[in-house]
Amino acid sequence: MAASGLPSPALRSCSIRLVSVHLLDAAGQLLRILFLDPEGHYSATPHYVPREQALILAANHQRVLGRQAEVRVL
């Protein structure tokens, strides 16, 4: 991280990402963390996905899962 607290330009432009799905219970407590593979299937192991595809996968899965999960692109 840069001194300003923002990620360095190299980190912001990284073309490979991980998509994590944080499954939550009714109270919002974390139950489990899963990852998405490039085809959009859930997995216990991380998969590297191109940035554009990761953003699309994350947005689509967040819409489907709603408040049951937090989908993050790492």
PDB file of N, CA and C in Angstrom:
ATOM      1  N   MET A   1       0.837  -1.178   0.000  1.00  0.00           N
ATOM      2  CA  MET A   1       0.000   0.000   0.000  1.00  0.00           C
ATOM      3  C   MET A   1       0.880   1.237   0.000  1.00  0.00           C
ATOM      4  N   ALA A   2       0.390   2.234  -0.652  1.00  0.00           N
ATOM      5  CA  ALA A   2       1.103   3.496  -0.681  1.00  0.00           C
ATOM      6  C   ALA A   2       0.926   4.211   0.651  1.00  0.00           C
ATOM      7  N   ALA A   3       1.757   5.216   0.887  1.00  0.00           N
ATOM      8  CA  ALA A   3       1.708   5.942   2.153  1.00  0.00           C
ATOM      9  C   ALA A   3       0.351   6.609   2.371  1.00  0.00           C
ATOM     10  N   SER A   4      -0.358   6.935   1.291  1.00  0.00           N
ATOM     11  CA  SER A   4      -1.658   7.608   1.427  1.00  0.00           C
ATOM     12  C   SER A   4      -2.761   6.656   1.878  1.00  0.00           C
ATOM     13  N   GLY A   5      -2.459   5.349   1.959  1.00  0.00           N
ATOM     14  CA  GLY A   5      -3.461   4.379   2.359  1.00  0.00           C
ATOM     15  C   GLY A   5      -4.194   3.761   1.174  1.00  0.00           C
ATOM     16  N   LEU A   6      -3.939   4.270  -0.031  1.00  0.00           N
ATOM     17  CA  LEU A   6      -4.550   3.721  -1.235  1.00  0.00           C
ATOM     18  C   LEU A   6      -3.626   2.668  -1.840  1.00  0.00           C
ATOM     19  N   PRO A   7      -4.178   1.681  -2.504  1.00  0.00           N
ATOM     20  CA  PRO A   7      -3.336   0.680  -3.149  1.00  0.00           C
ATOM     21  C   PRO A   7      -2.452   1.329  -4.206  1.00  0.00           C
ATOM     22  N   SER A   8      -1.290   0.762  -4.409  1.00  0.00           N
ATOM     23  CA  SER A   8      -0.391   1.299  -5.423  1.00  0.00           C
ATOM     24  C   SER A   8      -0.997   1.059  -6.799  1.00  0.00           C
ATOM     25  N   PRO A   9      -0.588   1.819  -7.825  1.00  0.00           N
ATOM     26  CA  PRO A   9      -1.140   1.629  -9.170  1.00  0.00           C
ATOM     27  C   PRO A   9      -0.967   0.194  -9.670  1.00  0.00           C
ATOM     28  N   ALA A  10       0.110  -0.467  -9.296  1.00  0.00           N
ATOM     29  CA  ALA A  10       0.336  -1.846  -9.736  1.00  0.00           C
ATOM     30  C   ALA A  10      -0.741  -2.773  -9.183  1.00  0.00           C
ATOM     31  N   LEU A  11      -1.180  -2.562  -7.942  1.00  0.00           N
ATOM     32  CA  LEU A  11      -2.223  -3.403  -7.360  1.00  0.00           C
ATOM     33  C   LEU A  11      -3.577  -3.126  -7.988  1.00  0.00           C
ATOM     34  N   ARG A  12      -3.874  -1.873  -8.307  1.00  0.00           N
ATOM     35  CA  ARG A  12      -5.160  -1.519  -8.890  1.00  0.00           C
ATOM     36  C   ARG A  12      -5.297  -2.043 -10.310  1.00  0.00           C
ATOM     37  N   SER A  13      -4.200  -2.206 -11.024  1.00  0.00           N
ATOM     38  CA  SER A  13      -4.267  -2.628 -12.413  1.00  0.00           C
ATOM     39  C   SER A  13      -4.028  -4.119 -12.591  1.00  0.00           C
ATOM     40  N   CYS A  14      -3.942  -4.873 -11.516  1.00  0.00           N
ATOM     41  CA  CYS A  14      -3.724  -6.310 -11.602  1.00  0.00           C
ATOM     42  C   CYS A  14      -4.848  -6.944 -12.417  1.00  0.00           C
ATOM     43  N   SER A  15      -4.481  -7.758 -13.399  1.00  0.00           N
ATOM     44  CA  SER A  15      -5.490  -8.319 -14.298  1.00  0.00           C
ATOM     45  C   SER A  15      -6.047  -9.654 -13.814  1.00  0.00           C
ATOM     46  N   ILE A  16      -5.513 -10.212 -12.742  1.00  0.00           N
ATOM     47  CA  ILE A  16      -5.982 -11.493 -12.223  1.00  0.00           C
ATOM     48  C   ILE A  16      -6.537 -11.276 -10.819  1.00  0.00           C
ATOM     49  N   ARG A  17      -7.708 -11.828 -10.558  1.00  0.00           N
ATOM     50  CA  ARG A  17      -8.370 -11.638  -9.265  1.00  0.00           C
ATOM     51  C   ARG A  17      -8.914 -12.954  -8.728  1.00  0.00           C
ATOM     52  N   LEU A  18      -9.267 -12.944  -7.467  1.00  0.00           N
ATOM     53  CA  LEU A  18      -9.996 -14.027  -6.819  1.00  0.00           C
ATOM     54  C   LEU A  18     -11.386 -13.510  -6.515  1.00  0.00           C
ATOM     55  N   VAL A  19     -12.391 -14.361  -6.622  1.00  0.00           N
ATOM     56  CA  VAL A  19     -13.749 -13.984  -6.252  1.00  0.00           C
ATOM     57  C   VAL A  19     -14.139 -14.835  -5.057  1.00  0.00           C
ATOM     58  N   SER A  20     -14.322 -14.187  -3.906  1.00  0.00           N
ATOM     59  CA  SER A  20     -14.708 -14.924  -2.705  1.00  0.00           C
ATOM     60  C   SER A  20     -16.167 -14.653  -2.377  1.00  0.00           C
ATOM     61  N   VAL A  21     -16.825 -15.683  -1.858  1.00  0.00           N
ATOM     62  CA  VAL A  21     -18.228 -15.596  -1.473  1.00  0.00           C
ATOM     63  C   VAL A  21     -18.288 -15.872   0.022  1.00  0.00           C
ATOM     64  N   HIS A  22     -18.676 -14.861   0.799  1.00  0.00           N
ATOM     65  CA  HIS A  22     -18.775 -14.980   2.245  1.00  0.00           C
ATOM     66  C   HIS A  22     -20.231 -15.266   2.582  1.00  0.00           C
ATOM     67  N   LEU A  23     -20.534 -16.512   2.903  1.00  0.00           N
ATOM     68  CA  LEU A  23     -21.905 -16.900   3.235  1.00  0.00           C
ATOM     69  C   LEU A  23     -22.229 -16.472   4.654  1.00  0.00           C
ATOM     70  N   LEU A  24     -23.403 -15.875   4.829  1.00  0.00           N
ATOM     71  CA  LEU A  24     -23.804 -15.311   6.118  1.00  0.00           C
ATOM     72  C   LEU A  24     -25.068 -15.989   6.629  1.00  0.00           C
ATOM     73  N   ASP A  25     -25.214 -16.010   7.952  1.00  0.00           N
ATOM     74  CA  ASP A  25     -26.471 -16.513   8.528  1.00  0.00           C
ATOM     75  C   ASP A  25     -27.465 -15.359   8.621  1.00  0.00           C
ATOM     76  N   ALA A  26     -28.622 -15.618   9.186  1.00  0.00           N
ATOM     77  CA  ALA A  26     -29.682 -14.606   9.269  1.00  0.00           C
ATOM     78  C   ALA A  26     -29.260 -13.381  10.069  1.00  0.00           C
ATOM     79  N   ALA A  27     -28.337 -13.560  11.025  1.00  0.00           N
ATOM     80  CA  ALA A  27     -27.871 -12.448  11.851  1.00  0.00           C
ATOM     81  C   ALA A  27     -26.683 -11.716  11.218  1.00  0.00           C
ATOM     82  N   GLY A  28     -26.252 -12.164  10.040  1.00  0.00           N
ATOM     83  CA  GLY A  28     -25.129 -11.517   9.379  1.00  0.00           C
ATOM     84  C   GLY A  28     -23.771 -12.043   9.800  1.00  0.00           C
ATOM     85  N   GLN A  29     -23.747 -13.121  10.546  1.00  0.00           N
ATOM     86  CA  GLN A  29     -22.487 -13.722  10.987  1.00  0.00           C
ATOM     87  C   GLN A  29     -21.926 -14.608   9.872  1.00  0.00           C
ATOM     88  N   LEU A  30     -20.616 -14.607   9.722  1.00  0.00           N
ATOM     89  CA  LEU A  30     -19.949 -15.398   8.695  1.00  0.00           C
ATOM     90  C   LEU A  30     -20.081 -16.885   8.994  1.00  0.00           C
ATOM     91  N   LEU A  31     -20.582 -17.631   8.012  1.00  0.00           N
ATOM     92  CA  LEU A  31     -20.698 -19.082   8.144  1.00  0.00           C
ATOM     93  C   LEU A  31     -19.558 -19.801   7.429  1.00  0.00           C
ATOM     94  N   ARG A  32     -19.253 -19.353   6.215  1.00  0.00           N
ATOM     95  CA  ARG A  32     -18.266 -20.049   5.405  1.00  0.00           C
ATOM     96  C   ARG A  32     -17.794 -19.143   4.282  1.00  0.00           C
ATOM     97  N   ILE A  33     -16.570 -19.356   3.848  1.00  0.00           N
ATOM     98  CA  ILE A  33     -16.029 -18.636   2.700  1.00  0.00           C
ATOM     99  C   ILE A  33     -15.781 -19.636   1.582  1.00  0.00           C
ATOM    100  N   LEU A  34     -16.330 -19.338   0.425  1.00  0.00           N
ATOM    101  CA  LEU A  34     -16.114 -20.145  -0.770  1.00  0.00           C
ATOM    102  C   LEU A  34     -15.522 -19.252  -1.858  1.00  0.00           C
ATOM    103  N   PHE A  35     -15.072 -19.865  -2.921  1.00  0.00           N
ATOM    104  CA  PHE A  35     -14.508 -19.122  -4.042  1.00  0.00           C
ATOM    105  C   PHE A  35     -15.220 -19.535  -5.315  1.00  0.00           C
ATOM    106  N   LEU A  36     -15.207 -18.645  -6.304  1.00  0.00           N
ATOM    107  CA  LEU A  36     -15.791 -18.960  -7.600  1.00  0.00           C
ATOM    108  C   LEU A  36     -14.684 -19.315  -8.577  1.00  0.00           C
ATOM    109  N   ASP A  37     -14.928 -20.352  -9.391  1.00  0.00           N
ATOM    110  CA  ASP A  37     -13.986 -20.674 -10.450  1.00  0.00           C
ATOM    111  C   ASP A  37     -14.390 -19.879 -11.698  1.00  0.00           C
ATOM    112  N   PRO A  38     -13.609 -19.936 -12.767  1.00  0.00           N
ATOM    113  CA  PRO A  38     -13.932 -19.137 -13.956  1.00  0.00           C
ATOM    114  C   PRO A  38     -15.298 -19.437 -14.576  1.00  0.00           C
ATOM    115  N   GLU A  39     -15.848 -20.629 -14.328  1.00  0.00           N
ATOM    116  CA  GLU A  39     -17.163 -20.976 -14.866  1.00  0.00           C
ATOM    117  C   GLU A  39     -18.296 -20.555 -13.927  1.00  0.00           C
ATOM    118  N   GLY A  40     -17.973 -20.020 -12.743  1.00  0.00           N
ATOM    119  CA  GLY A  40     -18.986 -19.575 -11.803  1.00  0.00           C
ATOM    120  C   GLY A  40     -19.429 -20.631 -10.812  1.00  0.00           C
ATOM    121  N   HIS A  41     -18.692 -21.738 -10.718  1.00  0.00           N
ATOM    122  CA  HIS A  41     -19.009 -22.790  -9.747  1.00  0.00           C
ATOM    123  C   HIS A  41     -18.307 -22.502  -8.427  1.00  0.00           C
ATOM    124  N   TYR A  42     -18.934 -22.905  -7.334  1.00  0.00           N
ATOM    125  CA  TYR A  42     -18.361 -22.707  -6.008  1.00  0.00           C
ATOM    126  C   TYR A  42     -17.287 -23.752  -5.733  1.00  0.00           C
ATOM    127  N   SER A  43     -16.248 -23.336  -5.003  1.00  0.00           N
ATOM    128  CA  SER A  43     -15.140 -24.217  -4.682  1.00  0.00           C
ATOM    129  C   SER A  43     -14.554 -23.804  -3.342  1.00  0.00           C
ATOM    130  N   ALA A  44     -13.948 -24.762  -2.651  1.00  0.00           N
ATOM    131  CA  ALA A  44     -13.286 -24.450  -1.388  1.00  0.00           C
ATOM    132  C   ALA A  44     -11.888 -23.882  -1.624  1.00  0.00           C
ATOM    133  N   THR A  45     -11.355 -24.057  -2.827  1.00  0.00           N
ATOM    134  CA  THR A  45     -10.017 -23.565  -3.142  1.00  0.00           C
ATOM    135  C   THR A  45     -10.105 -22.342  -4.052  1.00  0.00           C
ATOM    136  N   PRO A  46      -9.216 -21.384  -3.860  1.00  0.00           N
ATOM    137  CA  PRO A  46      -9.238 -20.171  -4.692  1.00  0.00           C
ATOM    138  C   PRO A  46      -8.870 -20.474  -6.141  1.00  0.00           C
ATOM    139  N   HIS A  47      -9.477 -19.732  -7.050  1.00  0.00           N
ATOM    140  CA  HIS A  47      -9.179 -19.809  -8.476  1.00  0.00           C
ATOM    141  C   HIS A  47      -8.896 -18.400  -8.961  1.00  0.00           C
ATOM    142  N   TYR A  48      -7.890 -18.258  -9.792  1.00  0.00           N
ATOM    143  CA  TYR A  48      -7.586 -16.959 -10.370  1.00  0.00           C
ATOM    144  C   TYR A  48      -8.444 -16.758 -11.610  1.00  0.00           C
ATOM    145  N   VAL A  49      -9.035 -15.569 -11.713  1.00  0.00           N
ATOM    146  CA  VAL A  49      -9.968 -15.242 -12.787  1.00  0.00           C
ATOM    147  C   VAL A  49      -9.549 -13.891 -13.370  1.00  0.00           C
ATOM    148  N   PRO A  50      -9.615 -13.719 -14.701  1.00  0.00           N
ATOM    149  CA  PRO A  50      -9.331 -12.394 -15.275  1.00  0.00           C
ATOM    150  C   PRO A  50     -10.234 -11.330 -14.653  1.00  0.00           C
ATOM    151  N   ARG A  51      -9.707 -10.127 -14.492  1.00  0.00           N
ATOM    152  CA  ARG A  51     -10.382  -9.047 -13.760  1.00  0.00           C
ATOM    153  C   ARG A  51     -11.803  -8.790 -14.260  1.00  0.00           C
ATOM    154  N   GLU A  52     -11.977  -8.612 -15.574  1.00  0.00           N
ATOM    155  CA  GLU A  52     -13.300  -8.299 -16.110  1.00  0.00           C
ATOM    156  C   GLU A  52     -14.287  -9.419 -15.810  1.00  0.00           C
ATOM    157  N   GLN A  53     -13.841 -10.656 -15.986  1.00  0.00           N
ATOM    158  CA  GLN A  53     -14.698 -11.803 -15.711  1.00  0.00           C
ATOM    159  C   GLN A  53     -15.021 -11.891 -14.222  1.00  0.00           C
ATOM    160  N   ALA A  54     -14.047 -11.587 -13.381  1.00  0.00           N
ATOM    161  CA  ALA A  54     -14.262 -11.617 -11.931  1.00  0.00           C
ATOM    162  C   ALA A  54     -15.322 -10.611 -11.509  1.00  0.00           C
ATOM    163  N   LEU A  55     -15.282  -9.420 -12.084  1.00  0.00           N
ATOM    164  CA  LEU A  55     -16.262  -8.391 -11.742  1.00  0.00           C
ATOM    165  C   LEU A  55     -17.666  -8.801 -12.175  1.00  0.00           C
ATOM    166  N   ILE A  56     -17.787  -9.406 -13.345  1.00  0.00           N
ATOM    167  CA  ILE A  56     -19.093  -9.860 -13.831  1.00  0.00           C
ATOM    168  C   ILE A  56     -19.615 -11.000 -12.965  1.00  0.00           C
ATOM    169  N   LEU A  57     -18.753 -11.991 -12.677  1.00  0.00           N
ATOM    170  CA  LEU A  57     -19.150 -13.116 -11.816  1.00  0.00           C
ATOM    171  C   LEU A  57     -19.627 -12.617 -10.459  1.00  0.00           C
ATOM    172  N   ALA A  58     -18.871 -11.698  -9.875  1.00  0.00           N
ATOM    173  CA  ALA A  58     -19.212 -11.185  -8.545  1.00  0.00           C
ATOM    174  C   ALA A  58     -20.561 -10.465  -8.564  1.00  0.00           C
ATOM    175  N   ALA A  59     -20.777  -9.616  -9.552  1.00  0.00           N
ATOM    176  CA  ALA A  59     -22.035  -8.873  -9.635  1.00  0.00           C
ATOM    177  C   ALA A  59     -23.218  -9.821  -9.816  1.00  0.00           C
ATOM    178  N   ASN A  60     -23.071 -10.807 -10.687  1.00  0.00           N
ATOM    179  CA  ASN A  60     -24.164 -11.747 -10.931  1.00  0.00           C
ATOM    180  C   ASN A  60     -24.474 -12.584  -9.693  1.00  0.00           C
ATOM    181  N   HIS A  61     -23.447 -13.082  -9.030  1.00  0.00           N
ATOM    182  CA  HIS A  61     -23.674 -13.917  -7.851  1.00  0.00           C
ATOM    183  C   HIS A  61     -24.219 -13.102  -6.685  1.00  0.00           C
ATOM    184  N   GLN A  62     -23.801 -11.843  -6.567  1.00  0.00           N
ATOM    185  CA  GLN A  62     -24.345 -10.995  -5.497  1.00  0.00           C
ATOM    186  C   GLN A  62     -25.832 -10.767  -5.710  1.00  0.00           C
ATOM    187  N   ARG A  63     -26.234 -10.551  -6.977  1.00  0.00           N
ATOM    188  CA  ARG A  63     -27.660 -10.376  -7.280  1.00  0.00           C
ATOM    189  C   ARG A  63     -28.460 -11.620  -6.917  1.00  0.00           C
ATOM    190  N   VAL A  64     -27.934 -12.785  -7.246  1.00  0.00           N
ATOM    191  CA  VAL A  64     -28.638 -14.049  -6.987  1.00  0.00           C
ATOM    192  C   VAL A  64     -28.710 -14.337  -5.491  1.00  0.00           C
ATOM    193  N   LEU A  65     -27.591 -14.173  -4.789  1.00  0.00           N
ATOM    194  CA  LEU A  65     -27.525 -14.528  -3.369  1.00  0.00           C
ATOM    195  C   LEU A  65     -28.136 -13.463  -2.465  1.00  0.00           C
ATOM    196  N   GLY A  66     -28.146 -12.231  -2.908  1.00  0.00           N
ATOM    197  CA  GLY A  66     -28.724 -11.147  -2.110  1.00  0.00           C
ATOM    198  C   GLY A  66     -28.035 -10.983  -0.768  1.00  0.00           C
ATOM    199  N   ARG A  67     -28.831 -10.888   0.294  1.00  0.00           N
ATOM    200  CA  ARG A  67     -28.297 -10.630   1.631  1.00  0.00           C
ATOM    201  C   ARG A  67     -27.718 -11.870   2.297  1.00  0.00           C
ATOM    202  N   GLN A  68     -27.801 -13.021   1.638  1.00  0.00           N
ATOM    203  CA  GLN A  68     -27.254 -14.247   2.196  1.00  0.00           C
ATOM    204  C   GLN A  68     -25.735 -14.303   2.109  1.00  0.00           C
ATOM    205  N   ALA A  69     -25.140 -13.384   1.343  1.00  0.00           N
ATOM    206  CA  ALA A  69     -23.702 -13.452   1.124  1.00  0.00           C
ATOM    207  C   ALA A  69     -23.128 -12.088   0.800  1.00  0.00           C
ATOM    208  N   GLU A  70     -21.831 -11.983   0.962  1.00  0.00           N
ATOM    209  CA  GLU A  70     -21.049 -10.847   0.488  1.00  0.00           C
ATOM    210  C   GLU A  70     -20.090 -11.409  -0.544  1.00  0.00           C
ATOM    211  N   VAL A  71     -20.219 -10.981  -1.786  1.00  0.00           N
ATOM    212  CA  VAL A  71     -19.338 -11.445  -2.848  1.00  0.00           C
ATOM    213  C   VAL A  71     -18.265 -10.388  -3.030  1.00  0.00           C
ATOM    214  N   ARG A  72     -17.019 -10.792  -2.951  1.00  0.00           N
ATOM    215  CA  ARG A  72     -15.898  -9.848  -3.015  1.00  0.00           C
ATOM    216  C   ARG A  72     -14.928 -10.252  -4.114  1.00  0.00           C
ATOM    217  N   VAL A  73     -14.382  -9.255  -4.797  1.00  0.00           N
ATOM    218  CA  VAL A  73     -13.314  -9.483  -5.754  1.00  0.00           C
ATOM    219  C   VAL A  73     -12.025  -9.061  -5.069  1.00  0.00           C
ATOM    220  N   LEU A  74     -11.141 -10.007  -4.893  1.00  0.00           N
ATOM    221  CA  LEU A  74      -9.878  -9.737  -4.187  1.00  0.00           C
ATOM    222  C   LEU A  74      -8.727  -9.623  -5.162  1.00  0.00           C
TER     223      LEU A  74
END
